[in-house]
Amino acid sequence: MRRRTVSPGAGLEEVLDTLATAPAPREEAAAAPAAAPPRDRSRQTDALQTEFAFELPRGYVDDDGQVHRHGTMRLATARDELRPQIDLRVKENPAYLSVVLLSQVITQLGTVTDVHAGIVERMYATDVAFLQDFYRRINSEGHTHAAVTCPLCHGSFEVDLSGGRLGES
């Protein structure tokens, strides 16, 4: 395995691009098993879901006073999780990592399609906490469902955390 060190002058982005396009070493290529025959795509019913809809508990208020509550978040890639590590704002304040990470994976928020760190910074803390939990659920567990138990009747059921108003699911 070849190791590379990223110097302060070189960006992680360029190193990742270089590694992604570099050919595999010969000994690893020879040891790799033969590729499996292509599967019949018409029989495959489980498509990988890469974007998940959500509804914020409070909503993001833009400069015009419009509230944006509905949005979509995509699955994170390894690059999404590595990129904040070279961000100067994250180096100065490690708590800023979640702001940078969320700004990369939120693809839409209401009518806003260019979600950047400044937008996430201006969200209410309850919405950021919701998005952090939502991120963890879709990237770790692959879904937005949670098992719950009713405190009154002790019945168990499953709720979808991706939408609904406060108190609803």
Protein backbone atom coordinates (compact mmCIF):
# COMPACT_ATOMS: atom_id res chain seq x y z
CA MET A 1 0.00 0.00 0.00
CA ARG A 2 1.35 3.37 -0.98
CA ARG A 3 1.02 6.22 1.53
CA ARG A 4 0.89 9.88 0.69
CA THR A 5 1.32 12.88 2.90
CA VAL A 6 -0.64 16.02 2.14
CA SER A 7 1.46 19.13 2.65
CA PRO A 8 -0.16 22.42 3.68
CA GLY A 9 0.29 23.78 0.14
CA ALA A 10 -1.38 20.83 -1.59
CA GLY A 11 -5.12 20.38 -1.28
CA LEU A 12 -6.80 17.14 -0.32
CA GLU A 13 -9.05 17.56 -3.37
CA GLU A 14 -6.13 17.21 -5.80
CA VAL A 15 -4.68 14.21 -3.94
CA LEU A 16 -8.06 12.45 -3.95
CA ASP A 17 -8.48 13.11 -7.67
CA THR A 18 -4.96 11.79 -8.37
CA LEU A 19 -5.56 8.62 -6.37
CA ALA A 20 -8.94 8.02 -7.99
CA THR A 21 -7.45 8.11 -11.50
CA ALA A 22 -4.18 6.28 -10.73
CA PRO A 23 -3.94 2.69 -12.01
CA ALA A 24 -3.88 -0.10 -9.42
CA PRO A 25 -0.47 -1.58 -8.54
CA ARG A 26 0.34 -4.75 -10.50
CA GLU A 27 0.50 -7.16 -7.57
CA GLU A 28 -2.93 -6.06 -6.33
CA ALA A 29 -4.39 -6.31 -9.81
CA ALA A 30 -3.07 -9.84 -10.27
CA ALA A 31 -4.45 -10.98 -6.91
CA ALA A 32 -7.90 -9.53 -7.54
CA PRO A 33 -10.60 -12.11 -8.25
CA ALA A 34 -12.23 -12.28 -11.64
CA ALA A 35 -15.21 -10.02 -12.05
CA ALA A 36 -18.60 -11.60 -11.51
CA PRO A 37 -20.81 -11.93 -14.56
CA PRO A 38 -23.20 -9.01 -14.99
CA ARG A 39 -26.52 -9.50 -13.23
CA ASP A 40 -29.81 -9.15 -14.99
CA ARG A 41 -30.88 -5.60 -14.07
CA SER A 42 -34.52 -6.29 -14.94
CA ARG A 43 -34.74 -8.74 -12.02
CA GLN A 44 -33.18 -6.35 -9.53
CA THR A 45 -35.96 -4.73 -7.49
CA ASP A 46 -33.97 -3.02 -4.73
CA ALA A 47 -32.62 0.25 -6.08
CA LEU A 48 -30.17 2.14 -3.89
CA GLN A 49 -31.83 5.24 -2.49
CA THR A 50 -29.30 8.07 -2.43
CA GLU A 51 -31.53 11.05 -1.59
CA PHE A 52 -33.88 11.36 1.35
CA ALA A 53 -36.59 13.97 1.91
CA PHE A 54 -36.93 15.69 5.27
CA GLU A 55 -38.98 18.37 6.99
CA LEU A 56 -37.30 20.66 9.49
CA PRO A 57 -38.99 21.13 12.89
CA ARG A 58 -38.79 24.95 12.68
CA GLY A 59 -37.49 25.86 9.23
CA TYR A 60 -34.79 28.04 7.72
CA VAL A 61 -35.78 31.71 7.34
CA ASP A 62 -34.10 33.39 4.36
CA ASP A 63 -33.27 37.10 3.94
CA ASP A 64 -36.74 37.78 2.51
CA GLY A 65 -38.45 36.22 5.54
CA GLN A 66 -39.58 33.12 3.65
CA VAL A 67 -39.56 29.90 5.71
CA HIS A 68 -38.08 26.79 4.08
CA ARG A 69 -38.96 23.53 5.86
CA HIS A 70 -38.85 20.78 3.23
CA GLY A 71 -35.55 19.60 1.83
CA THR A 72 -33.49 16.69 0.57
CA MET A 73 -30.23 15.22 1.78
CA ARG A 74 -28.04 12.83 -0.18
CA LEU A 75 -25.89 10.03 1.14
CA ALA A 76 -22.40 11.19 2.10
CA THR A 77 -19.32 9.97 0.28
CA ALA A 78 -15.89 9.42 1.78
CA ARG A 79 -14.81 12.65 0.09
CA ASP A 80 -17.63 14.53 1.85
CA GLU A 81 -16.28 13.36 5.20
CA LEU A 82 -12.64 14.09 4.32
CA ARG A 83 -13.14 17.56 2.83
CA PRO A 84 -13.99 19.31 6.14
CA GLN A 85 -10.70 18.08 7.64
CA ILE A 86 -8.78 20.57 5.47
CA ASP A 87 -11.23 23.44 5.99
CA LEU A 88 -9.58 26.23 8.00
CA ARG A 89 -12.82 26.99 9.84
CA VAL A 90 -12.91 23.39 11.10
CA LYS A 91 -9.24 23.52 12.12
CA GLU A 92 -9.92 26.66 14.16
CA ASN A 93 -13.15 25.30 15.66
CA PRO A 94 -13.75 21.52 15.38
CA ALA A 95 -17.44 22.03 16.22
CA TYR A 96 -17.79 23.69 12.80
CA LEU A 97 -17.28 20.30 11.12
CA SER A 98 -21.00 19.49 11.20
CA VAL A 99 -21.86 22.82 9.54
CA VAL A 100 -19.47 22.15 6.65
CA LEU A 101 -20.53 18.52 6.33
CA LEU A 102 -24.26 19.28 6.32
CA SER A 103 -23.78 22.04 3.74
CA GLN A 104 -22.23 19.47 1.38
CA VAL A 105 -24.94 16.82 1.63
CA ILE A 106 -28.11 18.96 1.74
CA THR A 107 -29.10 19.19 -1.91
CA GLN A 108 -32.17 21.37 -1.53
CA LEU A 109 -33.94 23.36 1.17
CA GLY A 110 -37.29 24.67 0.03
CA THR A 111 -36.57 26.79 -3.05
CA VAL A 112 -32.87 27.10 -2.13
CA THR A 113 -30.75 24.79 -4.28
CA ASP A 114 -27.33 26.23 -3.38
CA VAL A 115 -27.04 25.24 0.27
CA HIS A 116 -23.73 26.47 1.70
CA ALA A 117 -22.21 26.76 5.17
CA GLY A 118 -23.67 30.26 5.65
CA ILE A 119 -27.19 28.88 5.33
CA VAL A 120 -26.56 26.09 7.83
CA GLU A 121 -25.01 28.66 10.22
CA ARG A 122 -28.25 30.66 10.21
CA MET A 123 -30.49 27.66 11.00
CA TYR A 124 -32.04 27.24 14.42
CA ALA A 125 -30.20 24.87 16.76
CA THR A 126 -33.17 22.47 16.81
CA ASP A 127 -33.04 22.19 13.02
CA VAL A 128 -29.27 21.58 13.01
CA ALA A 129 -29.67 18.89 15.69
CA PHE A 130 -32.45 17.30 13.60
CA LEU A 131 -30.23 17.34 10.49
CA GLN A 132 -27.28 15.84 12.37
CA ASP A 133 -29.46 12.97 13.57
CA PHE A 134 -30.99 12.59 10.10
CA TYR A 135 -27.49 12.46 8.56
CA ARG A 136 -26.44 9.78 11.04
CA ARG A 137 -29.55 7.71 10.37
CA ILE A 138 -29.36 7.69 6.57
CA ASN A 139 -25.59 7.17 6.43
CA SER A 140 -25.26 4.61 9.22
CA GLU A 141 -28.56 2.81 9.24
CA GLY A 142 -29.70 3.42 5.67
CA HIS A 143 -33.20 4.54 6.58
CA THR A 144 -35.11 7.15 8.56
CA HIS A 145 -37.32 4.84 10.62
CA ALA A 146 -37.15 4.41 14.39
CA ALA A 147 -38.80 1.90 16.70
CA VAL A 148 -40.76 3.58 19.49
CA THR A 149 -42.94 2.50 22.39
CA CYS A 150 -46.07 4.37 23.45
CA PRO A 151 -45.70 5.54 27.08
CA LEU A 152 -49.44 5.10 27.71
CA CYS A 153 -50.34 1.74 26.17
CA HIS A 154 -46.78 0.34 25.86
CA GLY A 155 -47.48 -0.62 22.25
CA SER A 156 -44.45 -0.80 19.96
CA PHE A 157 -44.48 0.66 16.45
CA GLU A 158 -42.23 2.30 13.88
CA VAL A 159 -42.22 5.97 12.88
CA ASP A 160 -40.60 7.74 9.94
CA LEU A 161 -38.45 10.60 11.19
CA SER A 162 -38.03 12.25 7.82
CA GLY A 163 -41.13 14.41 7.87
CA GLY A 164 -44.13 15.73 9.65
CA ARG A 165 -44.64 18.68 11.94
CA LEU A 166 -43.62 18.75 15.59
CA GLY A 167 -45.36 15.91 17.38
CA GLU A 168 -46.22 14.15 14.12
CA SER A 169 -44.40 11.51 12.11
